[in-house]
Amino acid sequence: MPVRFVDKEEEKTLYMIQLKKDNIELQNKVSLLQHQVNERK
């Protein structure tokens, strides 16, 4: 495989890993906010 292709694939993989981390962080924040809202009821 050409080096450029490998670089692009690696870049995509790293981007997807970061998206996954961001998604988990956002899910945690949503859960926390839901919990806070439920406590006020």
C-alpha atoms as a PDB file:
ATOM      1  CA  MET A   1       0.000   0.000   0.000  1.00  0.00           C
ATOM      2  CA  PRO A   2       1.195   3.482  -0.699  1.00  0.00           C
ATOM      3  CA  VAL A   3       2.345   5.431   2.332  1.00  0.00           C
ATOM      4  CA  ARG A   4      -0.206   8.171   1.702  1.00  0.00           C
ATOM      5  CA  PHE A   5      -3.072   5.667   1.885  1.00  0.00           C
ATOM      6  CA  VAL A   6      -1.790   4.286   5.182  1.00  0.00           C
ATOM      7  CA  ASP A   7      -1.474   7.822   6.581  1.00  0.00           C
ATOM      8  CA  LYS A   8      -5.054   8.621   5.601  1.00  0.00           C
ATOM      9  CA  GLU A   9      -6.356   5.408   7.132  1.00  0.00           C
ATOM     10  CA  GLU A  10      -4.457   6.082  10.334  1.00  0.00           C
ATOM     11  CA  GLU A  11      -5.834   9.615  10.408  1.00  0.00           C
ATOM     12  CA  LYS A  12      -9.390   8.291  10.002  1.00  0.00           C
ATOM     13  CA  THR A  13      -8.847   5.723  12.725  1.00  0.00           C
ATOM     14  CA  LEU A  14      -7.518   8.312  15.161  1.00  0.00           C
ATOM     15  CA  TYR A  15     -10.414  10.600  14.326  1.00  0.00           C
ATOM     16  CA  MET A  16     -12.912   7.823  15.009  1.00  0.00           C
ATOM     17  CA  ILE A  17     -11.243   7.037  18.324  1.00  0.00           C
ATOM     18  CA  GLN A  18     -11.525  10.692  19.327  1.00  0.00           C
ATOM     19  CA  LEU A  19     -15.178  10.765  18.277  1.00  0.00           C
ATOM     20  CA  LYS A  20     -15.835   7.729  20.444  1.00  0.00           C
ATOM     21  CA  LYS A  21     -14.184   9.402  23.436  1.00  0.00           C
ATOM     22  CA  ASP A  22     -16.172  12.587  22.832  1.00  0.00           C
ATOM     23  CA  ASN A  23     -19.368  10.583  22.543  1.00  0.00           C
ATOM     24  CA  ILE A  24     -18.748   8.800  25.847  1.00  0.00           C
ATOM     25  CA  GLU A  25     -18.027  12.123  27.538  1.00  0.00           C
ATOM     26  CA  LEU A  26     -21.254  13.613  26.203  1.00  0.00           C
ATOM     27  CA  GLN A  27     -23.244  10.559  27.265  1.00  0.00           C
ATOM     28  CA  ASN A  28     -21.860  10.935  30.774  1.00  0.00           C
ATOM     29  CA  LYS A  29     -22.828  14.607  30.858  1.00  0.00           C
ATOM     30  CA  VAL A  30     -26.345  13.829  29.655  1.00  0.00           C
ATOM     31  CA  SER A  31     -26.709  11.132  32.305  1.00  0.00           C
ATOM     32  CA  LEU A  32     -25.578  13.533  34.992  1.00  0.00           C
ATOM     33  CA  LEU A  33     -28.019  16.195  33.816  1.00  0.00           C
ATOM     34  CA  GLN A  34     -30.858  13.667  33.677  1.00  0.00           C
ATOM     35  CA  HIS A  35     -30.061  12.631  37.205  1.00  0.00           C
ATOM     36  CA  GLN A  36     -30.085  16.268  38.368  1.00  0.00           C
ATOM     37  CA  VAL A  37     -33.425  16.888  36.658  1.00  0.00           C
ATOM     38  CA  ASN A  38     -34.936  13.766  38.219  1.00  0.00           C
ATOM     39  CA  GLU A  39     -33.803  14.855  41.666  1.00  0.00           C
ATOM     40  CA  ARG A  40     -35.736  18.118  41.309  1.00  0.00           C
ATOM     41  CA  LYS A  41     -39.013  16.370  40.569  1.00  0.00           C
END
